[in-house]
Amino acid sequence: MALFPLQANFRGDFVVLLVPVDDGDDMSIVADKVAQHAVGLRVAEKGAPKCVYYNGRELPSSMTVAQSGIQPMDWIEVAYV
């Protein structure tokens, strides 16, 4: 397991985040890690599931960072489904 940073944004937020993730984290964990820095602060809580987008496509919530091909400092977006 390797820890590395990702550039991230939660859809609707204006802040670009630098979020540390583990290559063993699945996308639901990654989404939660990004959301904790935006939801309830600058983005309204919706109580809905969240998804991760990478290179314009939605990644399955059970896919790990290692399986996705995401590299350190790559850009992801998290949004409510």
N, C-alpha and C. Protein backbone atom coordinates (compact mmCIF):
# COMPACT_ATOMS: atom_id res chain seq x y z
N MET A 1 0.84 -1.18 0.00
CA MET A 1 0.00 0.00 0.00
C MET A 1 0.89 1.25 0.00
N ALA A 2 0.57 2.15 -0.91
CA ALA A 2 1.36 3.36 -1.04
C ALA A 2 0.46 4.59 -0.92
N LEU A 3 0.89 5.52 -0.12
CA LEU A 3 0.15 6.77 0.07
C LEU A 3 0.67 7.81 -0.91
N PHE A 4 -0.25 8.49 -1.62
CA PHE A 4 0.17 9.57 -2.51
C PHE A 4 -0.93 10.60 -2.66
N PRO A 5 -0.57 11.82 -3.12
CA PRO A 5 -1.54 12.91 -3.23
C PRO A 5 -2.26 12.93 -4.57
N LEU A 6 -3.53 13.36 -4.54
CA LEU A 6 -4.31 13.62 -5.74
C LEU A 6 -4.82 15.05 -5.70
N GLN A 7 -4.90 15.69 -6.85
CA GLN A 7 -5.60 16.96 -6.96
C GLN A 7 -7.07 16.62 -7.14
N ALA A 8 -7.92 17.28 -6.38
CA ALA A 8 -9.33 16.92 -6.42
C ALA A 8 -10.22 18.14 -6.25
N ASN A 9 -11.43 17.97 -6.73
CA ASN A 9 -12.47 18.99 -6.57
C ASN A 9 -13.78 18.26 -6.34
N PHE A 10 -14.60 18.80 -5.43
CA PHE A 10 -15.96 18.29 -5.27
C PHE A 10 -16.84 19.18 -6.13
N ARG A 11 -17.60 18.59 -7.04
CA ARG A 11 -18.43 19.37 -7.98
C ARG A 11 -19.29 20.38 -7.22
N GLY A 12 -19.22 21.63 -7.64
CA GLY A 12 -19.94 22.72 -7.00
C GLY A 12 -19.08 23.54 -6.06
N ASP A 13 -17.89 23.05 -5.75
CA ASP A 13 -16.95 23.77 -4.90
C ASP A 13 -15.96 24.52 -5.80
N PHE A 14 -15.42 25.61 -5.28
CA PHE A 14 -14.45 26.40 -6.05
C PHE A 14 -13.02 26.11 -5.64
N VAL A 15 -12.82 25.28 -4.63
CA VAL A 15 -11.49 25.02 -4.08
C VAL A 15 -10.91 23.74 -4.70
N VAL A 16 -9.67 23.82 -5.14
CA VAL A 16 -8.93 22.64 -5.58
C VAL A 16 -8.21 22.09 -4.36
N LEU A 17 -8.37 20.81 -4.12
CA LEU A 17 -7.82 20.17 -2.93
C LEU A 17 -6.63 19.29 -3.28
N LEU A 18 -5.75 19.10 -2.34
CA LEU A 18 -4.68 18.14 -2.43
C LEU A 18 -4.99 17.10 -1.35
N VAL A 19 -5.41 15.92 -1.79
CA VAL A 19 -5.93 14.91 -0.86
C VAL A 19 -5.04 13.66 -0.90
N PRO A 20 -4.53 13.22 0.26
CA PRO A 20 -3.74 11.99 0.28
C PRO A 20 -4.65 10.76 0.24
N VAL A 21 -4.34 9.83 -0.66
CA VAL A 21 -5.08 8.58 -0.75
C VAL A 21 -4.09 7.43 -0.75
N ASP A 22 -4.60 6.25 -0.48
CA ASP A 22 -3.79 5.04 -0.51
C ASP A 22 -4.14 4.29 -1.79
N ASP A 23 -3.18 3.63 -2.40
CA ASP A 23 -3.48 2.92 -3.64
C ASP A 23 -4.43 1.75 -3.43
N GLY A 24 -4.65 1.35 -2.19
CA GLY A 24 -5.61 0.30 -1.87
C GLY A 24 -7.01 0.81 -1.57
N ASP A 25 -7.17 2.14 -1.49
CA ASP A 25 -8.50 2.72 -1.24
C ASP A 25 -9.40 2.48 -2.44
N ASP A 26 -10.68 2.11 -2.17
CA ASP A 26 -11.62 2.03 -3.29
C ASP A 26 -12.22 3.42 -3.51
N MET A 27 -12.93 3.57 -4.61
CA MET A 27 -13.43 4.90 -5.00
C MET A 27 -14.44 5.47 -4.01
N SER A 28 -15.16 4.62 -3.28
CA SER A 28 -16.07 5.16 -2.26
C SER A 28 -15.29 5.81 -1.13
N ILE A 29 -14.15 5.25 -0.78
CA ILE A 29 -13.28 5.85 0.25
C ILE A 29 -12.66 7.13 -0.27
N VAL A 30 -12.19 7.11 -1.52
CA VAL A 30 -11.61 8.31 -2.12
C VAL A 30 -12.64 9.43 -2.14
N ALA A 31 -13.87 9.11 -2.54
CA ALA A 31 -14.94 10.11 -2.58
C ALA A 31 -15.19 10.70 -1.19
N ASP A 32 -15.19 9.86 -0.17
CA ASP A 32 -15.39 10.34 1.20
C ASP A 32 -14.23 11.22 1.66
N LYS A 33 -13.00 10.87 1.28
CA LYS A 33 -11.84 11.67 1.67
C LYS A 33 -11.90 13.06 1.05
N VAL A 34 -12.36 13.14 -0.19
CA VAL A 34 -12.50 14.45 -0.84
C VAL A 34 -13.68 15.21 -0.22
N ALA A 35 -14.79 14.52 -0.02
CA ALA A 35 -16.00 15.16 0.50
C ALA A 35 -15.80 15.77 1.88
N GLN A 36 -14.97 15.17 2.70
CA GLN A 36 -14.80 15.69 4.06
C GLN A 36 -14.20 17.09 4.08
N HIS A 37 -13.60 17.51 2.97
CA HIS A 37 -13.01 18.84 2.88
C HIS A 37 -13.92 19.86 2.20
N ALA A 38 -15.10 19.42 1.74
CA ALA A 38 -15.98 20.34 1.00
C ALA A 38 -17.44 20.27 1.47
N VAL A 39 -17.96 19.07 1.67
CA VAL A 39 -19.38 18.91 2.02
C VAL A 39 -19.62 19.40 3.44
N GLY A 40 -20.63 20.23 3.56
CA GLY A 40 -20.94 20.83 4.85
C GLY A 40 -20.15 22.10 5.11
N LEU A 41 -19.19 22.40 4.24
CA LEU A 41 -18.39 23.62 4.36
C LEU A 41 -18.76 24.59 3.24
N ARG A 42 -18.55 24.15 1.99
CA ARG A 42 -18.87 24.98 0.82
C ARG A 42 -19.87 24.31 -0.11
N VAL A 43 -20.12 23.04 0.12
CA VAL A 43 -21.08 22.27 -0.67
C VAL A 43 -22.13 21.71 0.27
N ALA A 44 -23.40 21.83 -0.10
CA ALA A 44 -24.49 21.36 0.76
C ALA A 44 -24.50 19.83 0.84
N GLU A 45 -24.79 19.33 2.02
CA GLU A 45 -24.95 17.88 2.24
C GLU A 45 -26.25 17.43 1.59
N LYS A 46 -26.18 16.36 0.77
CA LYS A 46 -27.37 15.85 0.10
C LYS A 46 -27.79 14.48 0.60
N GLY A 47 -26.92 13.81 1.33
CA GLY A 47 -27.25 12.48 1.80
C GLY A 47 -27.39 11.47 0.67
N ALA A 48 -26.75 11.75 -0.46
CA ALA A 48 -26.80 10.88 -1.64
C ALA A 48 -25.43 10.23 -1.84
N PRO A 49 -25.39 9.14 -2.58
CA PRO A 49 -24.10 8.51 -2.88
C PRO A 49 -23.21 9.46 -3.69
N LYS A 50 -21.90 9.24 -3.56
CA LYS A 50 -20.92 10.06 -4.28
C LYS A 50 -20.16 9.17 -5.26
N CYS A 51 -19.68 9.77 -6.34
CA CYS A 51 -18.88 9.02 -7.31
C CYS A 51 -17.64 9.82 -7.67
N VAL A 52 -16.64 9.10 -8.17
CA VAL A 52 -15.37 9.68 -8.59
C VAL A 52 -15.30 9.66 -10.11
N TYR A 53 -14.89 10.79 -10.70
CA TYR A 53 -14.66 10.90 -12.14
C TYR A 53 -13.18 11.09 -12.38
N TYR A 54 -12.67 10.34 -13.35
CA TYR A 54 -11.26 10.44 -13.74
C TYR A 54 -11.21 10.42 -15.26
N ASN A 55 -10.59 11.42 -15.85
CA ASN A 55 -10.52 11.55 -17.31
C ASN A 55 -11.91 11.49 -17.94
N GLY A 56 -12.87 12.12 -17.28
CA GLY A 56 -14.20 12.24 -17.84
C GLY A 56 -15.10 11.03 -17.70
N ARG A 57 -14.63 9.98 -17.03
CA ARG A 57 -15.50 8.81 -16.86
C ARG A 57 -15.68 8.48 -15.39
N GLU A 58 -16.88 7.99 -15.08
CA GLU A 58 -17.19 7.61 -13.71
C GLU A 58 -16.54 6.28 -13.41
N LEU A 59 -15.86 6.21 -12.26
CA LEU A 59 -15.20 4.97 -11.86
C LEU A 59 -16.11 4.18 -10.93
N PRO A 60 -16.13 2.85 -11.05
CA PRO A 60 -16.95 2.03 -10.15
C PRO A 60 -16.51 2.22 -8.70
N SER A 61 -17.47 2.23 -7.80
CA SER A 61 -17.16 2.50 -6.39
C SER A 61 -16.28 1.43 -5.77
N SER A 62 -16.29 0.22 -6.31
CA SER A 62 -15.47 -0.86 -5.75
C SER A 62 -14.06 -0.91 -6.34
N MET A 63 -13.78 -0.11 -7.37
CA MET A 63 -12.45 -0.08 -8.00
C MET A 63 -11.46 0.61 -7.08
N THR A 64 -10.27 0.03 -6.95
CA THR A 64 -9.24 0.65 -6.12
C THR A 64 -8.46 1.68 -6.93
N VAL A 65 -7.74 2.51 -6.22
CA VAL A 65 -6.90 3.51 -6.89
C VAL A 65 -5.88 2.80 -7.79
N ALA A 66 -5.27 1.73 -7.31
CA ALA A 66 -4.29 0.99 -8.10
C ALA A 66 -4.91 0.43 -9.38
N GLN A 67 -6.12 -0.08 -9.30
CA GLN A 67 -6.80 -0.64 -10.47
C GLN A 67 -7.20 0.43 -11.49
N SER A 68 -7.41 1.65 -11.00
CA SER A 68 -7.91 2.73 -11.87
C SER A 68 -6.85 3.33 -12.78
N GLY A 69 -5.60 3.16 -12.41
CA GLY A 69 -4.52 3.78 -13.18
C GLY A 69 -4.23 5.22 -12.78
N ILE A 70 -4.92 5.71 -11.76
CA ILE A 70 -4.67 7.07 -11.26
C ILE A 70 -3.25 7.13 -10.70
N GLN A 71 -2.53 8.19 -11.07
CA GLN A 71 -1.15 8.39 -10.62
C GLN A 71 -1.07 9.57 -9.66
N PRO A 72 0.02 9.66 -8.88
CA PRO A 72 0.18 10.80 -7.97
C PRO A 72 0.01 12.13 -8.71
N MET A 73 -0.71 13.02 -8.08
CA MET A 73 -0.99 14.37 -8.55
C MET A 73 -1.95 14.43 -9.74
N ASP A 74 -2.56 13.31 -10.12
CA ASP A 74 -3.60 13.34 -11.15
C ASP A 74 -4.82 14.09 -10.61
N TRP A 75 -5.67 14.53 -11.52
CA TRP A 75 -6.87 15.30 -11.20
C TRP A 75 -8.09 14.37 -11.18
N ILE A 76 -8.88 14.44 -10.10
CA ILE A 76 -10.16 13.73 -10.05
C ILE A 76 -11.24 14.71 -9.64
N GLU A 77 -12.48 14.36 -9.95
CA GLU A 77 -13.62 15.14 -9.50
C GLU A 77 -14.56 14.19 -8.78
N VAL A 78 -15.16 14.66 -7.70
CA VAL A 78 -16.13 13.87 -6.94
C VAL A 78 -17.45 14.62 -7.02
N ALA A 79 -18.53 13.88 -7.17
CA ALA A 79 -19.86 14.48 -7.28
C ALA A 79 -20.90 13.56 -6.68
N TYR A 80 -22.05 14.14 -6.35
CA TYR A 80 -23.18 13.32 -5.96
C TYR A 80 -23.71 12.61 -7.20
N VAL A 81 -24.21 11.39 -7.01
CA VAL A 81 -24.80 10.62 -8.12
C VAL A 81 -26.13 11.22 -8.47
